[in-house]
Amino acid sequence: MADSDIIPHEVRALEVPPPWRNKMQRVGLFVDGANMFYAQRDNHWHIDWRLVFNFFTDNKEKAAAYYFTATPPVGDSERVTKYRHFKTALQSIGYSVVDKEVRVIKSETSDVPLRIKGNLDIELVFRLLTEANTYDEIVLMGCDSDYIPVIGHLRAIGKVVTIVGRKGSISNDLINVANKFLDLETIRARIERKQA
């Protein structure tokens, strides 16, 4: 006689389904702001970050939504004011903004900037790894081949990784290590900012 023959039908109907069944997937959205700035410039259209947030969290539990960016130098008050408005808008959508001021590295002999430094790759990777237990899926918007070992690690521990960027500017090695690659052009209709 099978166990199911012993348990009354009414009791079997009350059994709780396994925890993995109908579980809402937890998604973490991580945006490299500098990379996406150049992607928008090269694509000649602008991203609506509210639409991005909705597109990637639709029917999923939002575990995290981060936007990593460098801030303008303090002395550039006009750009600082614009940035503060942009940051406030991102936060009102649901993003946590991680930023740091751009460092202008000048020549010792003149005030001409040699280069501008505002990279947040380490901060992004730190969040990816320290919060890995809070999400099932990760969406990385704008990244480069330096992320390959991290993506490989995340996949090895069971995370689903989607890379989003411009087809022509992302290496095949990076695309191949992820579970999925989305070219911005293929989702343009869903995330493009409409001109007023």
Foldseek 3Di string as FASTA:
>chain_A
DDPVVVDDPVVVVPDDDPPVPPDAFEEAEEEAQVQQVVQCVVVVFDWDVLLVVCVVCPSHHYLAAEYEEEAEPPVPVVRNVVVVVVCVVNVVSPHDYHYYHKDFDADPVDRDTPDIDTDDVVVRLVCCPVCLVRGQEYEYEGDAPVCLVVLLVSVVVRHAYEYEGAPVPYDPSSCVSHNYYHYCVVCCVRTTDDDD
